Amino acid sequence: MTSLQLSAQEEAVERLLDAAARGDLVQVSSLLALGPSLLNRAGHSGWTALMLAARNGHYDVAQALLLLGCDKFSVNNSSQTAYDVAAFWGHRHLVDLLGRTGKGPPGSALLDPPPENYFGRETLDRLSAKRTDRVWLEVRRSDADTVYLLFSNLSPMVSGPLEDGSGSAAVETKLCRFRYEAIKDLLQKPATVLVFLGVERRKTPSSSSARVADGLREPPAWFAINTDEDTAELLTRCGEKNCCFPKTPNRDLLRFSEEEADRRSPSLRPAGVVAQARSVLAWHSRYSFCPTCGGGTAPEEGGYKRSCLNPGCSSRKGVHNTCYPRVDPVVIMLVIHPDGNQCLLGRKKIFPIGMFSCLAGFVEPGETLEEAVRREVEEESGVKVGPVRYVSCQPWPMPSNLMIGCLAVAVSTAIKVDDDEIEEARWFPRQQVIDSFRGTRAAFTVPPRQTIAHQLIRHWIAGNSNL
């Protein structure tokens, strides 16, 4: 083949790729009629016409290419198939077209439901309708099978060593549980705050751990109490060894087992219970006075409402968000490089040495999640973001945040960090991130697996890797 012929063919490939990206089915068909050998030719970064059609959501072009025999399993320089590209950009109609039976092509994990995040696993049936039933709550408080979790300064009493000598979070702890007789004196003290958490979810409760009421077995109820009593005195109430109150919530509260083995409540996931209890108790600690008039407030509805004691306060009329527990939305995002093969991670001065994580920030009033992602990324790193896709969320009870995890695609790559926000930000190639997960030749460390930042990074990597 002469150089002139090669030049003409390269020009035809570029025209085909451009037409596929624009969704010009007429031109795509015309070019392939003249030269069917162009069908699987790749351009910049290994992208084929099918990948470009999938990237831009052009169903009719992708369908025509497949009918002509286009190889849908070829990969670009980022190890992505056309299926992966369509999945990342959220083109579900193209995902259905390109998907295959069985486990799906490499990268199909991007469409799988994300794993339940630590702190986000619901264990109890909250029974919110019962919060206004004062008689029912009073009966459950004194029931012999009711479980109480004891908090001091917003830290739950736990059993098990908190330090393993290595500084890691590998040592698991368990919640200390109390019955009514052990803590009934605390319930009589004005400074004690009580929150109804819910009842255990059980299909077949045993006769030893369920109360019979109106001919039906009711599962045990759970409450959380926070007290300002002396911690040493509180610890004497627990009959187990190695009981304590964690001093560093951001670290110590990550050490609960994912599935606490216990015959009394076999499906207990303590992290989710702690997230619920600690967040509501933290709200009580900050709202003992009315934000509207400054008067005192009193808890109601099982601890899920505080009402102003001033009869003339406007907060007593209508619905006011100051009367109910607040949740602060935070976006946390993994930003993907335009080439699809790098991600943006940053570190704060308070992070352990060598650790990088996803960027994050609070959602502002009147702002969408997508705009919050774009604003925070640009403020912290100088990088501009285009498409944003939600992945999963995680309650974070320090004190009451909801971490909203997203993937975002950058439209610029130059980094200029805001020194007041973060210390450093870098683009990390996919292989470096994989090495960090595997602990081989790691250039940095990722956040603990209990964090949504860890899960977002893993979710991105799992699209093309066996992690």
Protein backbone atom coordinates (compact mmCIF):
# COMPACT_ATOMS: atom_id res chain seq x y z
CA MET A 1 0.00 0.00 0.00
CA THR A 2 1.45 3.36 -1.02
CA SER A 3 1.89 6.29 1.33
CA LEU A 4 -0.85 8.09 -0.57
CA GLN A 5 -3.24 5.21 0.03
CA LEU A 6 -2.29 5.09 3.72
CA SER A 7 -2.94 8.81 4.04
CA ALA A 8 -6.35 8.45 2.41
CA GLN A 9 -7.28 5.56 4.69
CA GLU A 10 -6.19 7.45 7.82
CA GLU A 11 -8.30 10.39 6.68
CA ALA A 12 -11.27 8.07 6.18
CA VAL A 13 -10.79 6.66 9.71
CA GLU A 14 -10.82 10.16 11.16
CA ARG A 15 -13.96 11.03 9.22
CA LEU A 16 -15.66 7.84 10.45
CA LEU A 17 -14.73 8.50 14.07
CA ASP A 18 -15.93 12.10 13.82
CA ALA A 19 -19.24 11.04 12.26
CA ALA A 20 -19.80 8.39 14.95
CA ALA A 21 -19.09 10.91 17.72
CA ARG A 22 -21.58 13.36 16.17
CA GLY A 23 -24.21 10.69 15.56
CA ASP A 24 -24.22 11.17 11.80
CA LEU A 25 -25.63 7.79 10.73
CA VAL A 26 -25.78 8.72 7.03
CA GLN A 27 -22.07 9.53 6.84
CA VAL A 28 -21.10 6.52 8.95
CA SER A 29 -23.02 4.21 6.59
CA SER A 30 -21.53 5.87 3.50
CA LEU A 31 -17.95 5.55 4.76
CA LEU A 32 -18.35 1.93 5.74
CA ALA A 33 -19.97 1.11 2.38
CA LEU A 34 -16.78 2.31 0.69
CA GLY A 35 -14.40 0.65 3.13
CA PRO A 36 -15.74 -1.95 5.58
CA SER A 37 -12.16 -2.51 6.79
CA LEU A 38 -12.51 0.80 8.68
CA LEU A 39 -15.10 -0.74 11.03
CA ASN A 40 -12.76 -1.59 13.92
CA ARG A 41 -10.04 0.97 13.32
CA ALA A 42 -9.12 3.02 16.39
CA GLY A 43 -8.11 6.63 16.68
CA HIS A 44 -6.67 8.65 19.55
CA SER A 45 -6.21 6.65 22.79
CA GLY A 46 -7.57 3.53 21.12
CA TRP A 47 -11.15 4.76 20.74
CA THR A 48 -13.22 3.09 18.03
CA ALA A 49 -16.32 4.41 16.27
CA LEU A 50 -18.49 2.22 18.52
CA MET A 51 -16.89 3.63 21.67
CA LEU A 52 -17.44 7.20 20.47
CA ALA A 53 -21.08 6.47 19.65
CA ALA A 54 -21.48 4.91 23.11
CA ARG A 55 -19.80 7.91 24.73
CA ASN A 56 -22.27 10.34 23.19
CA GLY A 57 -25.41 8.21 23.48
CA HIS A 58 -26.00 7.64 19.74
CA TYR A 59 -28.09 4.47 19.79
CA ASP A 60 -28.84 4.27 16.06
CA VAL A 61 -25.15 4.60 15.12
CA ALA A 62 -24.09 1.99 17.67
CA GLN A 63 -26.81 -0.39 16.46
CA ALA A 64 -25.71 0.04 12.82
CA LEU A 65 -22.06 -0.60 13.72
CA LEU A 66 -22.97 -3.79 15.58
CA LEU A 67 -25.08 -5.05 12.64
CA LEU A 68 -22.07 -4.53 10.38
CA GLY A 69 -19.93 -6.69 12.69
CA CYS A 70 -18.12 -4.15 14.85
CA ASP A 71 -16.11 -5.77 17.67
CA LYS A 72 -17.84 -4.63 20.86
CA PHE A 73 -15.24 -6.29 23.10
CA SER A 74 -12.19 -4.33 21.91
CA VAL A 75 -10.70 -1.98 24.52
CA ASN A 76 -9.16 1.47 24.40
CA ASN A 77 -5.95 2.60 26.11
CA SER A 78 -7.84 2.83 29.42
CA SER A 79 -8.96 -0.82 29.13
CA GLN A 80 -12.57 0.24 28.54
CA THR A 81 -14.97 -1.46 26.17
CA ALA A 82 -17.82 0.39 24.50
CA TYR A 83 -20.03 -1.16 27.21
CA ASP A 84 -17.85 0.41 29.92
CA VAL A 85 -18.03 3.79 28.23
CA ALA A 86 -21.82 3.68 27.95
CA ALA A 87 -22.12 2.55 31.57
CA PHE A 88 -19.90 5.34 32.88
CA TRP A 89 -21.82 8.04 31.04
CA GLY A 90 -25.17 6.64 32.13
CA HIS A 91 -26.56 5.72 28.68
CA ARG A 92 -28.70 2.81 29.84
CA HIS A 93 -30.28 2.25 26.43
CA LEU A 94 -26.80 1.66 25.02
CA VAL A 95 -25.84 -0.49 27.98
CA ASP A 96 -28.76 -2.77 27.14
CA LEU A 97 -27.71 -2.84 23.49
CA LEU A 98 -24.05 -3.58 24.21
CA GLY A 99 -24.51 -5.88 27.21
CA ARG A 100 -24.01 -9.58 26.92
CA THR A 101 -25.48 -12.47 28.91
CA GLY A 102 -23.88 -13.92 32.00
CA LYS A 103 -21.58 -11.74 34.04
CA GLY A 104 -21.28 -9.06 31.39
CA PRO A 105 -18.18 -7.61 29.80
CA PRO A 106 -15.22 -6.23 31.74
CA GLY A 107 -16.26 -3.10 33.57
CA SER A 108 -19.88 -4.11 34.09
CA ALA A 109 -19.27 -3.74 37.83
CA LEU A 110 -19.88 0.00 37.33
CA LEU A 111 -23.59 -0.81 36.96
CA ASP A 112 -23.79 -3.22 39.87
CA PRO A 113 -25.49 -1.93 43.02
CA PRO A 114 -22.73 -0.47 45.23
CA PRO A 115 -22.00 -2.25 48.51
CA GLU A 116 -23.67 -1.03 51.67
CA ASN A 117 -21.40 1.53 53.26
CA TYR A 118 -20.20 1.33 56.85
CA PHE A 119 -22.54 3.29 59.18
CA GLY A 120 -25.26 2.94 56.53
CA ARG A 121 -26.51 -0.56 57.29
CA GLU A 122 -29.94 -0.47 58.86
CA THR A 123 -30.29 -3.02 61.65
CA LEU A 124 -33.36 -1.82 63.49
CA ASP A 125 -36.89 -1.10 62.36
CA ARG A 126 -37.16 2.52 63.45
CA LEU A 127 -40.96 2.34 63.95
CA SER A 128 -41.23 6.11 63.52
CA ALA A 129 -45.02 5.90 63.82
CA LYS A 130 -44.61 4.84 67.45
CA ARG A 131 -42.61 7.91 68.48
CA THR A 132 -45.77 9.86 69.32
CA ASP A 133 -47.27 6.96 71.30
CA ARG A 134 -46.21 7.92 74.81
CA VAL A 135 -47.93 4.96 76.47
CA TRP A 136 -46.27 2.43 74.16
CA LEU A 137 -42.84 4.04 74.66
CA GLU A 138 -43.26 4.07 78.43
CA VAL A 139 -44.10 0.36 78.46
CA ARG A 140 -41.12 -0.47 76.25
CA ARG A 141 -38.69 1.54 78.37
CA SER A 142 -39.22 -0.69 81.38
CA ASP A 143 -39.53 -3.97 79.48
CA ALA A 144 -37.09 -6.63 80.67
CA ASP A 145 -35.87 -7.35 77.12
CA THR A 146 -35.31 -3.73 76.09
CA VAL A 147 -31.70 -2.88 75.17
CA TYR A 148 -30.01 0.36 76.22
CA LEU A 149 -26.82 1.81 74.76
CA LEU A 150 -24.98 4.11 77.16
CA PHE A 151 -23.23 7.23 75.82
CA SER A 152 -21.03 9.69 77.67
CA ASN A 153 -20.05 12.90 75.89
CA LEU A 154 -21.49 11.33 72.72
CA SER A 155 -19.18 8.28 72.90
CA PRO A 156 -20.79 4.84 73.32
CA MET A 157 -19.55 2.44 75.95
CA VAL A 158 -17.77 -0.41 74.19
CA SER A 159 -15.87 -3.52 75.19
CA GLY A 160 -12.67 -4.80 73.63
CA PRO A 161 -9.22 -3.23 73.25
CA LEU A 162 -9.04 -0.07 71.17
CA GLU A 163 -5.32 -0.28 70.50
CA ASP A 164 -3.50 -3.16 68.83
CA GLY A 165 -0.05 -1.62 69.00
CA SER A 166 0.14 -0.86 65.30
CA GLY A 167 -2.19 2.11 65.15
CA SER A 168 -4.48 0.30 62.72
CA ALA A 169 -8.23 -0.10 63.01
CA ALA A 170 -8.08 -3.88 62.78
CA VAL A 171 -9.10 -4.60 66.36
CA GLU A 172 -12.86 -4.92 66.57
CA THR A 173 -14.94 -3.65 69.46
CA LYS A 174 -18.47 -4.44 70.62
CA LEU A 175 -21.25 -2.29 72.01
CA CYS A 176 -22.00 -2.68 75.69
CA ARG A 177 -25.71 -3.38 76.19
CA PHE A 178 -27.70 -2.67 79.30
CA ARG A 179 -31.11 -3.65 80.62
CA TYR A 180 -33.56 -1.36 82.31
CA GLU A 181 -32.62 -2.30 85.87
CA ALA A 182 -28.98 -1.33 85.28
CA ILE A 183 -29.69 2.22 84.12
CA LYS A 184 -33.15 3.15 85.48
CA ASP A 185 -31.62 5.60 87.97
CA LEU A 186 -30.02 7.54 85.09
CA LEU A 187 -33.41 7.92 83.40
CA GLN A 188 -34.64 9.90 86.39
CA LYS A 189 -31.92 12.59 86.08
CA PRO A 190 -32.83 15.79 84.18
CA ALA A 191 -29.55 15.92 82.23
CA THR A 192 -30.04 12.45 80.72
CA VAL A 193 -31.21 12.41 77.10
CA LEU A 194 -33.16 9.37 75.87
CA VAL A 195 -33.67 8.41 72.21
CA PHE A 196 -35.83 5.57 70.92
CA LEU A 197 -33.86 3.81 68.16
CA GLY A 198 -36.37 1.17 67.07
CA VAL A 199 -36.97 -2.55 67.46
CA GLU A 200 -34.98 -5.51 66.20
CA ARG A 201 -35.81 -6.87 62.77
CA ARG A 202 -36.55 -10.56 63.25
CA LYS A 203 -38.73 -12.96 61.35
CA THR A 204 -39.03 -15.56 64.09
CA PRO A 205 -38.22 -14.07 67.51
CA SER A 206 -37.42 -16.60 70.19
CA SER A 207 -39.62 -16.96 73.25
CA SER A 208 -36.74 -15.91 75.51
CA SER A 209 -36.22 -12.52 73.87
CA ALA A 210 -39.64 -11.33 72.82
CA ARG A 211 -42.53 -9.95 74.76
CA VAL A 212 -46.07 -11.12 74.18
CA ALA A 213 -48.56 -8.30 73.71
CA ASP A 214 -52.09 -8.69 72.44
CA GLY A 215 -51.26 -12.22 71.41
CA LEU A 216 -48.36 -11.11 69.17
CA ARG A 217 -44.66 -11.37 69.91
CA GLU A 218 -42.87 -8.05 69.85
CA PRO A 219 -39.11 -7.93 69.32
CA PRO A 220 -36.93 -6.08 71.82
CA ALA A 221 -36.81 -2.29 71.64
CA TRP A 222 -33.53 -0.32 71.63
CA PHE A 223 -32.86 3.03 73.27
CA ALA A 224 -29.77 5.25 73.52
CA ILE A 225 -29.07 7.44 76.53
CA ASN A 226 -26.46 10.17 76.91
CA THR A 227 -25.44 11.30 80.36
CA ASP A 228 -22.94 13.69 81.91
CA GLU A 229 -22.28 11.39 84.87
CA ASP A 230 -18.68 10.59 85.82
CA THR A 231 -17.27 8.11 83.28
CA ALA A 232 -15.47 6.04 85.89
CA GLU A 233 -18.75 5.55 87.74
CA LEU A 234 -20.53 4.64 84.50
CA LEU A 235 -17.92 1.99 83.67
CA THR A 236 -18.64 0.16 86.93
CA ARG A 237 -22.12 -0.61 85.60
CA CYS A 238 -20.69 -2.87 82.90
CA GLY A 239 -19.84 -6.42 83.95
CA GLU A 240 -17.53 -7.03 80.97
CA LYS A 241 -13.78 -6.46 80.98
CA ASN A 242 -12.00 -3.82 78.89
CA CYS A 243 -14.98 -1.48 78.84
CA CYS A 244 -14.30 2.12 77.84
CA PHE A 245 -15.60 5.20 76.04
CA PRO A 246 -13.75 5.95 72.77
CA LYS A 247 -11.85 9.23 72.85
CA THR A 248 -11.33 9.63 69.08
CA PRO A 249 -14.66 9.00 67.29
CA ASN A 250 -13.28 9.39 63.74
CA ARG A 251 -10.96 6.44 64.37
CA ASP A 252 -12.40 4.33 67.16
CA LEU A 253 -15.95 4.22 65.82
CA LEU A 254 -14.62 2.52 62.66
CA ARG A 255 -13.75 -0.62 64.60
CA PHE A 256 -17.11 -2.30 64.96
CA SER A 257 -17.46 -5.64 63.23
CA GLU A 258 -19.52 -5.63 60.03
CA GLU A 259 -21.70 -8.44 61.43
CA GLU A 260 -21.59 -8.76 65.22
CA ALA A 261 -22.17 -12.40 66.11
CA ASP A 262 -24.73 -12.54 68.86
CA ARG A 263 -27.43 -15.09 69.60
CA ARG A 264 -29.74 -12.42 70.96
CA SER A 265 -29.76 -10.39 67.74
CA PRO A 266 -27.99 -12.32 64.99
CA SER A 267 -28.38 -9.64 62.32
CA LEU A 268 -26.99 -6.76 64.40
CA ARG A 269 -24.75 -4.34 62.56
CA PRO A 270 -23.55 -2.07 65.36
CA ALA A 271 -22.05 0.67 63.18
CA GLY A 272 -25.47 1.58 61.77
CA VAL A 273 -27.02 1.70 65.23
CA VAL A 274 -24.22 3.93 66.52
CA ALA A 275 -24.59 6.27 63.54
CA GLN A 276 -28.27 6.74 64.26
CA ALA A 277 -27.86 7.13 68.02
CA ARG A 278 -24.83 9.42 68.01
CA SER A 279 -26.22 11.76 65.37
CA VAL A 280 -29.49 12.32 67.23
CA LEU A 281 -27.74 12.67 70.60
CA ALA A 282 -25.33 15.21 69.09
CA TRP A 283 -28.29 17.24 67.86
CA HIS A 284 -29.76 17.26 71.37
CA SER A 285 -26.46 18.52 72.77
CA ARG A 286 -26.55 21.54 70.41
CA TYR A 287 -30.26 22.44 70.59
CA SER A 288 -31.07 22.65 74.27
CA PHE A 289 -32.14 26.25 73.59
CA CYS A 290 -34.60 27.36 70.94
CA PRO A 291 -32.89 28.89 67.86
CA THR A 292 -35.99 31.04 67.27
CA CYS A 293 -36.50 32.80 70.61
CA GLY A 294 -33.68 31.56 72.85
CA GLY A 295 -36.01 29.83 75.30
CA GLY A 296 -35.48 26.35 76.69
CA THR A 297 -36.55 23.28 74.77
CA ALA A 298 -37.71 19.81 75.80
CA PRO A 299 -37.43 16.49 73.90
CA GLU A 300 -40.54 14.83 72.50
CA GLU A 301 -41.49 12.00 70.14
CA GLY A 302 -38.99 9.47 71.40
CA GLY A 303 -36.16 11.98 71.19
CA TYR A 304 -36.79 12.95 67.54
CA LYS A 305 -38.19 16.40 68.27
CA ARG A 306 -37.45 19.31 70.60
CA SER A 307 -40.24 21.76 71.36
CA CYS A 308 -39.79 25.26 72.68
CA LEU A 309 -41.13 25.76 76.21
CA ASN A 310 -42.10 29.37 75.46
CA PRO A 311 -45.85 29.34 74.65
CA GLY A 312 -45.51 32.46 72.49
CA CYS A 313 -42.66 31.18 70.31
CA SER A 314 -43.46 31.06 66.60
CA SER A 315 -41.72 27.67 66.34
CA ARG A 316 -44.70 26.11 68.15
CA LYS A 317 -46.91 26.83 65.15
CA GLY A 318 -46.45 24.92 61.92
CA VAL A 319 -43.45 22.81 60.97
CA HIS A 320 -39.94 24.17 61.61
CA ASN A 321 -36.69 22.43 60.76
CA THR A 322 -35.16 23.71 63.99
CA CYS A 323 -37.46 21.35 65.91
CA TYR A 324 -36.17 18.14 64.29
CA PRO A 325 -32.74 16.51 64.06
CA ARG A 326 -30.65 18.08 61.33
CA VAL A 327 -28.60 16.27 58.72
CA ASP A 328 -25.83 18.15 56.92
CA PRO A 329 -25.35 17.03 53.28
CA VAL A 330 -21.74 16.71 52.11
CA VAL A 331 -20.66 15.82 48.58
CA ILE A 332 -17.61 13.59 48.30
CA MET A 333 -16.36 12.93 44.81
CA LEU A 334 -13.80 10.96 42.88
CA VAL A 335 -12.80 13.11 39.93
CA ILE A 336 -11.77 11.20 36.79
CA HIS A 337 -9.21 12.58 34.33
CA PRO A 338 -10.52 13.21 30.79
CA ASP A 339 -8.39 10.29 29.59
CA GLY A 340 -10.35 7.99 31.92
CA ASN A 341 -7.18 6.44 33.33
CA GLN A 342 -6.34 8.79 36.24
CA CYS A 343 -8.16 10.09 39.28
CA LEU A 344 -7.74 13.24 41.35
CA LEU A 345 -7.00 12.79 45.06
CA GLY A 346 -6.04 15.30 47.73
CA ARG A 347 -4.71 15.32 51.26
CA LYS A 348 -5.24 17.54 54.29
CA LYS A 349 -2.61 18.26 56.90
CA ILE A 350 -4.51 16.21 59.47
CA PHE A 351 -4.34 13.05 57.32
CA PRO A 352 -1.92 10.26 58.23
CA ILE A 353 1.39 10.50 56.39
CA GLY A 354 1.08 9.36 52.80
CA MET A 355 -2.73 9.16 52.71
CA PHE A 356 -4.71 10.77 49.88
CA SER A 357 -8.49 10.81 49.63
CA CYS A 358 -11.43 12.09 47.59
CA LEU A 359 -12.26 15.78 47.68
CA ALA A 360 -15.35 16.74 49.69
CA GLY A 361 -17.38 19.71 50.84
CA PHE A 362 -20.72 20.86 52.24
CA VAL A 363 -23.71 21.49 50.00
CA GLU A 364 -24.81 25.11 50.22
CA PRO A 365 -28.43 26.35 50.42
CA GLY A 366 -30.17 26.47 47.06
CA GLU A 367 -27.49 24.33 45.41
CA THR A 368 -27.85 21.05 43.53
CA LEU A 369 -25.54 18.13 44.28
CA GLU A 370 -23.99 18.42 40.82
CA GLU A 371 -23.20 22.10 41.26
CA ALA A 372 -21.82 21.47 44.75
CA VAL A 373 -19.43 18.89 43.28
CA ARG A 374 -18.26 21.29 40.58
CA ARG A 375 -17.86 24.21 42.99
CA GLU A 376 -15.98 22.28 45.67
CA VAL A 377 -13.59 20.60 43.22
CA GLU A 378 -12.72 23.91 41.59
CA GLU A 379 -12.36 25.70 44.93
CA GLU A 380 -10.05 23.08 46.39
CA SER A 381 -8.01 22.00 43.38
CA GLY A 382 -8.62 24.47 40.54
CA VAL A 383 -9.87 21.62 38.34
CA LYS A 384 -13.10 22.18 36.43
CA VAL A 385 -15.67 19.35 36.36
CA GLY A 386 -18.29 18.45 33.76
CA PRO A 387 -20.57 15.39 34.12
CA VAL A 388 -21.40 14.19 37.65
CA ARG A 389 -22.92 10.84 38.55
CA TYR A 390 -24.26 9.73 41.95
CA VAL A 391 -22.93 6.41 43.27
CA SER A 392 -23.96 5.89 46.92
CA CYS A 393 -24.16 7.65 50.28
CA GLN A 394 -23.00 7.13 53.85
CA PRO A 395 -24.20 8.55 57.17
CA TRP A 396 -21.22 10.00 59.03
CA PRO A 397 -22.07 10.59 62.71
CA MET A 398 -19.26 13.07 63.43
CA PRO A 399 -21.59 14.70 64.21
CA SER A 400 -24.46 14.30 61.70
CA ASN A 401 -23.33 14.42 58.09
CA LEU A 402 -24.66 12.54 55.07
CA MET A 403 -21.77 11.85 52.69
CA ILE A 404 -23.12 11.82 49.12
CA GLY A 405 -20.67 9.91 46.96
CA CYS A 406 -20.27 10.84 43.28
CA LEU A 407 -18.06 10.20 40.28
CA ALA A 408 -17.21 13.28 38.24
CA VAL A 409 -15.33 13.81 34.98
CA ALA A 410 -12.84 16.66 34.73
CA VAL A 411 -12.86 19.02 31.75
CA SER A 412 -9.55 20.63 32.77
CA THR A 413 -6.46 19.09 34.35
CA ALA A 414 -4.28 21.92 35.73
CA ILE A 415 -4.11 21.80 39.53
CA LYS A 416 -3.94 24.85 41.78
CA VAL A 417 -4.75 23.95 45.39
CA ASP A 418 -6.40 26.21 47.93
CA ASP A 419 -3.93 26.04 50.83
CA ASP A 420 -6.72 26.82 53.30
CA GLU A 421 -8.64 23.73 52.17
CA ILE A 422 -6.08 21.05 51.33
CA GLU A 423 -2.32 20.57 51.47
CA GLU A 424 -1.80 18.83 48.13
CA ALA A 425 -3.71 17.35 45.19
CA ARG A 426 -2.46 15.03 42.45
CA TRP A 427 -3.56 12.99 39.47
CA PHE A 428 -2.91 9.31 40.20
CA PRO A 429 -2.71 6.78 37.33
CA ARG A 430 -4.99 3.78 37.60
CA GLN A 431 -2.10 1.37 38.14
CA GLN A 432 -0.76 3.40 41.08
CA VAL A 433 -4.20 3.26 42.68
CA ILE A 434 -4.37 -0.50 42.15
CA ASP A 435 -0.90 -0.86 43.71
CA SER A 436 -2.10 1.12 46.72
CA PHE A 437 -5.03 -1.26 47.24
CA ARG A 438 -2.75 -4.26 46.91
CA GLY A 439 0.01 -2.78 49.06
CA THR A 440 2.63 -3.34 46.34
CA ARG A 441 4.97 -0.49 45.36
CA ALA A 442 2.36 1.84 46.85
CA ALA A 443 3.06 5.52 46.17
CA PHE A 444 0.36 6.51 48.66
CA THR A 445 -2.27 5.00 50.94
CA VAL A 446 -6.04 5.11 50.51
CA PRO A 447 -8.54 5.87 53.30
CA PRO A 448 -9.81 2.97 55.49
CA ARG A 449 -12.28 0.57 53.89
CA GLN A 450 -15.04 1.80 56.24
CA THR A 451 -15.06 5.20 54.51
CA ILE A 452 -17.08 6.06 51.44
CA ALA A 453 -13.93 7.58 49.92
CA HIS A 454 -12.37 4.11 49.91
CA GLN A 455 -15.48 2.62 48.34
CA LEU A 456 -15.66 5.29 45.62
CA ILE A 457 -12.06 4.63 44.62
CA ARG A 458 -12.65 0.88 44.68
CA HIS A 459 -15.84 1.30 42.66
CA TRP A 460 -13.89 3.13 39.93
CA ILE A 461 -11.06 0.62 39.90
CA ALA A 462 -13.42 -2.37 39.91
CA GLY A 463 -14.75 -1.29 36.55
CA ASN A 464 -11.69 -2.80 34.92
CA SER A 465 -9.81 -4.66 37.66
CA ASN A 466 -10.32 -7.77 39.77
CA LEU A 467 -10.27 -6.08 43.18
